[in-house]
C-alpha cells in the first residue's frame, strides 16, 4: 500500500475527490480527511488515528520498553536478588511486561501531540485547506494520481508509506 497525500482547497472540492476515489475502487476505510480544528467536515471521512502521534509513539515505546525489560531480566539472572532464582522464562516475562508498559505509556503521551508525519502540511491546514489521504495499492498509484489531477491539475500529490496497522486486516 502507498498513501497518497494532497491538499484540497475547500470542502466541496474535497467531497468531489473523495466521491471519485470511492467510485473508482478505494474503500472508505482507506480514505482520511484532516482539517483545521472547528471545520465542519460533515460527510468526509475522519482522519482518526492519523491525526495524532499515538501509533509511532506506541511503536517506539514497545521497542524501548521491551529492550529495557529484557535487560532488567537478564541482569536479574546474572545477579539474583537475595537468593531468588531467576530463570529465562521470568527474564522473558519481565521483557514482555516492559514492552507492554512502555508501549502504553508512550502511546498515551504521543496521542497528546499532532502527527509528526504530517507536519509538512500543518501550515496549509491552518490556512483552511483540507488534507486528503488515501491508501491505494502500489500498482494503482499512477491511476489514482491521474484521477485526482483530473479535478485539479495544479494539485501536488505526495506519496508516503502508511503506518503499519497493529491488527492486520
Foldseek 3Di string as FASTA:
>chain_A
DKKKKWWAAAQVLQVVLLVLCVVVPFDLVQKAKDADPPDDNDPHHHNPPQFWQLVVQLVVQLVVQLVVQLVVLVVCCVPPPPPDHRDPVNSNVSSNVRSVVRSVVSSVVRRVGTHPVCVVCVVVRVVTIMMMMGDDDPVCPVVSVVVSCVSPVPMDMDIDHDDDDPDDD
